Amino acid sequence: MLRRLRLLVRPDTVLRWHHNLVKRRHARIRRPERPGRPPTVRSIRALVLRLACENSGWSYRRIQGELAMLGNLIAPSTVWEILKAEGVDPAPERTATTWAGFLRSQADILLAMDFIETITLTGQRQYILAVIEHATGRSRECRVAPAP
């Protein structure tokens, strides 16, 4: 009877079982401690947060594009996750720019211009082009031209 039991299993089967045991043990030893993607490098995280802070109108896709131009290839979803983890809204509307804020930021180059038609005491018509700098509030150029 014992001899018959030995014949139920072929030598190839025993070798396959042994191979599977060794393979499972090896896989268990080499399994990473934390499955999933490795964390993003700190310098990249800092750069993403800096770009988001300095450019509040940029979306996470724009930030990812700027990083790609700098040679840092990361996925847009990674940028989104970094911003979300830090409590920054990844959408471009995170801080809506008001007209007052826009004018303050562009005051150095903005000019207010007005074209005025006036009549003098002598009855002569004159056309005046008034140009005022927003930054200083001073008149930059004022031309008076008599009517033809």
C-alpha atoms as a PDB file:
ATOM      1  CA  MET A   1       0.000   0.000   0.000  1.00  0.00           C
ATOM      2  CA  LEU A   2       2.816   2.441   0.864  1.00  0.00           C
ATOM      3  CA  ARG A   3       4.418   1.770  -2.486  1.00  0.00           C
ATOM      4  CA  ARG A   4       1.208   2.790  -4.280  1.00  0.00           C
ATOM      5  CA  LEU A   5       1.051   6.134  -2.455  1.00  0.00           C
ATOM      6  CA  ARG A   6       4.511   6.962  -3.600  1.00  0.00           C
ATOM      7  CA  LEU A   7       3.461   6.446  -7.179  1.00  0.00           C
ATOM      8  CA  LEU A   8       0.594   8.955  -6.917  1.00  0.00           C
ATOM      9  CA  VAL A   9       3.063  11.863  -7.130  1.00  0.00           C
ATOM     10  CA  ARG A  10       5.624  12.080  -9.904  1.00  0.00           C
ATOM     11  CA  PRO A  11       9.093  13.569  -9.370  1.00  0.00           C
ATOM     12  CA  ASP A  12       8.214  16.524 -11.635  1.00  0.00           C
ATOM     13  CA  THR A  13       5.339  17.399  -9.314  1.00  0.00           C
ATOM     14  CA  VAL A  14       7.599  17.406  -6.251  1.00  0.00           C
ATOM     15  CA  LEU A  15      10.108  19.629  -8.055  1.00  0.00           C
ATOM     16  CA  ARG A  16       7.320  22.021  -9.094  1.00  0.00           C
ATOM     17  CA  TRP A  17       6.049  22.231  -5.505  1.00  0.00           C
ATOM     18  CA  HIS A  18       9.548  22.960  -4.271  1.00  0.00           C
ATOM     19  CA  HIS A  19      10.028  25.598  -6.966  1.00  0.00           C
ATOM     20  CA  ASN A  20       6.722  27.292  -6.024  1.00  0.00           C
ATOM     21  CA  LEU A  21       7.655  27.320  -2.314  1.00  0.00           C
ATOM     22  CA  VAL A  22      11.009  28.926  -3.043  1.00  0.00           C
ATOM     23  CA  LYS A  23       9.382  31.444  -5.415  1.00  0.00           C
ATOM     24  CA  ARG A  24       6.775  32.452  -2.809  1.00  0.00           C
ATOM     25  CA  ARG A  25       9.437  32.812  -0.109  1.00  0.00           C
ATOM     26  CA  HIS A  26      11.590  34.932  -2.420  1.00  0.00           C
ATOM     27  CA  ALA A  27       8.608  37.138  -3.364  1.00  0.00           C
ATOM     28  CA  ARG A  28       7.751  37.640   0.312  1.00  0.00           C
ATOM     29  CA  ILE A  29      11.301  38.705   1.139  1.00  0.00           C
ATOM     30  CA  ARG A  30      11.599  41.139  -1.780  1.00  0.00           C
ATOM     31  CA  ARG A  31       8.162  42.719  -1.345  1.00  0.00           C
ATOM     32  CA  PRO A  32       8.482  46.475  -0.752  1.00  0.00           C
ATOM     33  CA  GLU A  33       7.535  47.746   2.678  1.00  0.00           C
ATOM     34  CA  ARG A  34       5.176  50.369   1.272  1.00  0.00           C
ATOM     35  CA  PRO A  35       3.387  49.395  -1.912  1.00  0.00           C
ATOM     36  CA  GLY A  36       2.489  52.054  -4.460  1.00  0.00           C
ATOM     37  CA  ARG A  37       4.290  54.987  -6.004  1.00  0.00           C
ATOM     38  CA  PRO A  38       7.304  56.373  -4.185  1.00  0.00           C
ATOM     39  CA  PRO A  39       6.777  59.802  -2.593  1.00  0.00           C
ATOM     40  CA  THR A  40       7.614  62.922  -4.585  1.00  0.00           C
ATOM     41  CA  VAL A  41      11.017  64.464  -3.907  1.00  0.00           C
ATOM     42  CA  ARG A  42      10.899  67.338  -1.381  1.00  0.00           C
ATOM     43  CA  SER A  43      12.538  69.820  -3.733  1.00  0.00           C
ATOM     44  CA  ILE A  44       9.857  69.173  -6.362  1.00  0.00           C
ATOM     45  CA  ARG A  45       7.122  69.582  -3.740  1.00  0.00           C
ATOM     46  CA  ALA A  46       8.669  72.887  -2.648  1.00  0.00           C
ATOM     47  CA  LEU A  47       8.926  74.068  -6.255  1.00  0.00           C
ATOM     48  CA  VAL A  48       5.267  73.199  -6.935  1.00  0.00           C
ATOM     49  CA  LEU A  49       4.143  75.120  -3.851  1.00  0.00           C
ATOM     50  CA  ARG A  50       6.351  78.088  -4.736  1.00  0.00           C
ATOM     51  CA  LEU A  51       4.994  78.262  -8.281  1.00  0.00           C
ATOM     52  CA  ALA A  52       1.421  78.043  -6.973  1.00  0.00           C
ATOM     53  CA  CYS A  53       2.065  80.774  -4.397  1.00  0.00           C
ATOM     54  CA  GLU A  54       3.796  83.186  -6.782  1.00  0.00           C
ATOM     55  CA  ASN A  55       1.360  82.580  -9.658  1.00  0.00           C
ATOM     56  CA  SER A  56      -2.067  82.341  -8.096  1.00  0.00           C
ATOM     57  CA  GLY A  57      -3.850  82.304 -11.450  1.00  0.00           C
ATOM     58  CA  TRP A  58      -2.092  79.141 -12.661  1.00  0.00           C
ATOM     59  CA  SER A  59      -3.922  75.827 -12.596  1.00  0.00           C
ATOM     60  CA  TYR A  60      -2.225  72.572 -11.631  1.00  0.00           C
ATOM     61  CA  ARG A  61      -1.837  71.711 -15.329  1.00  0.00           C
ATOM     62  CA  ARG A  62      -0.036  75.002 -16.021  1.00  0.00           C
ATOM     63  CA  ILE A  63       2.286  74.355 -13.071  1.00  0.00           C
ATOM     64  CA  GLN A  64       2.986  70.851 -14.410  1.00  0.00           C
ATOM     65  CA  GLY A  65       3.765  72.337 -17.839  1.00  0.00           C
ATOM     66  CA  GLU A  66       6.193  74.860 -16.356  1.00  0.00           C
ATOM     67  CA  LEU A  67       7.919  72.081 -14.407  1.00  0.00           C
ATOM     68  CA  ALA A  68       8.201  70.035 -17.612  1.00  0.00           C
ATOM     69  CA  MET A  69       9.866  72.995 -19.342  1.00  0.00           C
ATOM     70  CA  LEU A  70      12.352  73.100 -16.451  1.00  0.00           C
ATOM     71  CA  GLY A  71      13.079  69.386 -16.952  1.00  0.00           C
ATOM     72  CA  ASN A  72      11.051  68.019 -14.040  1.00  0.00           C
ATOM     73  CA  LEU A  73       8.689  65.469 -15.546  1.00  0.00           C
ATOM     74  CA  ILE A  74       5.842  64.741 -13.146  1.00  0.00           C
ATOM     75  CA  ALA A  75       2.208  63.950 -13.804  1.00  0.00           C
ATOM     76  CA  PRO A  76      -0.496  66.627 -13.496  1.00  0.00           C
ATOM     77  CA  SER A  77      -2.218  64.427 -10.915  1.00  0.00           C
ATOM     78  CA  THR A  78       0.914  64.572  -8.753  1.00  0.00           C
ATOM     79  CA  VAL A  79       0.838  68.378  -8.830  1.00  0.00           C
ATOM     80  CA  TRP A  80      -2.868  68.256  -7.965  1.00  0.00           C
ATOM     81  CA  GLU A  81      -2.199  65.922  -5.008  1.00  0.00           C
ATOM     82  CA  ILE A  82       0.646  68.115  -3.703  1.00  0.00           C
ATOM     83  CA  LEU A  83      -1.524  71.246  -3.805  1.00  0.00           C
ATOM     84  CA  LYS A  84      -4.518  69.457  -2.263  1.00  0.00           C
ATOM     85  CA  ALA A  85      -2.360  68.023   0.552  1.00  0.00           C
ATOM     86  CA  GLU A  86      -1.097  71.514   1.410  1.00  0.00           C
ATOM     87  CA  GLY A  87      -4.604  72.984   1.394  1.00  0.00           C
ATOM     88  CA  VAL A  88      -4.125  74.985  -1.819  1.00  0.00           C
ATOM     89  CA  ASP A  89      -6.994  74.872  -4.300  1.00  0.00           C
ATOM     90  CA  PRO A  90      -5.605  73.418  -7.564  1.00  0.00           C
ATOM     91  CA  ALA A  91      -8.146  75.330  -9.659  1.00  0.00           C
ATOM     92  CA  PRO A  92      -7.144  78.624 -11.273  1.00  0.00           C
ATOM     93  CA  GLU A  93      -9.853  80.483  -9.355  1.00  0.00           C
ATOM     94  CA  ARG A  94      -8.138  79.981  -5.990  1.00  0.00           C
ATOM     95  CA  THR A  95      -7.630  83.746  -5.664  1.00  0.00           C
ATOM     96  CA  ALA A  96      -9.662  85.750  -8.099  1.00  0.00           C
ATOM     97  CA  THR A  97      -7.922  88.943  -9.176  1.00  0.00           C
ATOM     98  CA  THR A  98      -9.997  92.054  -8.656  1.00  0.00           C
ATOM     99  CA  TRP A  99      -9.811  95.092 -10.907  1.00  0.00           C
ATOM    100  CA  ALA A 100      -8.234  97.094  -8.107  1.00  0.00           C
ATOM    101  CA  GLY A 101      -5.538  94.451  -7.653  1.00  0.00           C
ATOM    102  CA  PHE A 102      -4.921  94.241 -11.383  1.00  0.00           C
ATOM    103  CA  LEU A 103      -4.587  98.025 -11.683  1.00  0.00           C
ATOM    104  CA  ARG A 104      -2.190  98.165  -8.720  1.00  0.00           C
ATOM    105  CA  SER A 105       0.016  95.468 -10.243  1.00  0.00           C
ATOM    106  CA  GLN A 106       0.019  97.168 -13.662  1.00  0.00           C
ATOM    107  CA  ALA A 107       0.156 100.788 -12.466  1.00  0.00           C
ATOM    108  CA  ASP A 108       3.705 101.325 -13.745  1.00  0.00           C
ATOM    109  CA  ILE A 109       2.662 100.878 -17.359  1.00  0.00           C
ATOM    110  CA  LEU A 110      -0.975 102.030 -17.379  1.00  0.00           C
ATOM    111  CA  LEU A 111      -1.889 105.437 -18.681  1.00  0.00           C
ATOM    112  CA  ALA A 112      -5.208 107.266 -18.449  1.00  0.00           C
ATOM    113  CA  MET A 113      -5.977 109.249 -21.584  1.00  0.00           C
ATOM    114  CA  ASP A 114      -8.756 111.679 -22.331  1.00  0.00           C
ATOM    115  CA  PHE A 115      -9.518 113.747 -25.367  1.00  0.00           C
ATOM    116  CA  ILE A 116     -11.249 117.026 -24.531  1.00  0.00           C
ATOM    117  CA  GLU A 117     -12.777 119.699 -26.765  1.00  0.00           C
ATOM    118  CA  THR A 118     -13.047 123.132 -25.183  1.00  0.00           C
ATOM    119  CA  ILE A 119     -13.933 126.678 -26.215  1.00  0.00           C
ATOM    120  CA  THR A 120     -11.763 129.551 -24.963  1.00  0.00           C
ATOM    121  CA  LEU A 121     -13.015 132.990 -23.865  1.00  0.00           C
ATOM    122  CA  THR A 122     -12.217 134.322 -27.325  1.00  0.00           C
ATOM    123  CA  GLY A 123     -14.507 131.690 -28.868  1.00  0.00           C
ATOM    124  CA  GLN A 124     -11.741 129.596 -30.351  1.00  0.00           C
ATOM    125  CA  ARG A 125     -12.108 125.785 -30.191  1.00  0.00           C
ATOM    126  CA  GLN A 126      -9.179 123.807 -28.816  1.00  0.00           C
ATOM    127  CA  TYR A 127      -8.594 120.072 -28.590  1.00  0.00           C
ATOM    128  CA  ILE A 128      -6.676 118.745 -25.603  1.00  0.00           C
ATOM    129  CA  LEU A 129      -5.191 115.285 -25.202  1.00  0.00           C
ATOM    130  CA  ALA A 130      -4.510 114.643 -21.509  1.00  0.00           C
ATOM    131  CA  VAL A 131      -2.315 111.702 -20.466  1.00  0.00           C
ATOM    132  CA  ILE A 132      -1.917 110.769 -16.790  1.00  0.00           C
ATOM    133  CA  GLU A 133       0.315 108.057 -15.289  1.00  0.00           C
ATOM    134  CA  HIS A 134      -1.536 105.787 -12.879  1.00  0.00           C
ATOM    135  CA  ALA A 135       1.559 105.082 -10.790  1.00  0.00           C
ATOM    136  CA  THR A 136       2.285 108.722  -9.918  1.00  0.00           C
ATOM    137  CA  GLY A 137      -0.991 110.466 -10.738  1.00  0.00           C
ATOM    138  CA  ARG A 138       0.961 113.125 -12.619  1.00  0.00           C
ATOM    139  CA  SER A 139       0.308 114.454 -16.061  1.00  0.00           C
ATOM    140  CA  ARG A 140       2.755 112.891 -18.482  1.00  0.00           C
ATOM    141  CA  GLU A 141       1.954 114.890 -21.547  1.00  0.00           C
ATOM    142  CA  CYS A 142      -0.662 117.477 -22.346  1.00  0.00           C
ATOM    143  CA  ARG A 143      -0.983 118.867 -25.867  1.00  0.00           C
ATOM    144  CA  VAL A 144      -3.180 121.735 -26.855  1.00  0.00           C
ATOM    145  CA  ALA A 145      -4.004 122.082 -30.522  1.00  0.00           C
ATOM    146  CA  PRO A 146      -6.142 124.856 -31.990  1.00  0.00           C
ATOM    147  CA  ALA A 147      -9.044 123.830 -34.166  1.00  0.00           C
ATOM    148  CA  PRO A 148      -8.505 124.170 -37.900  1.00  0.00           C
END
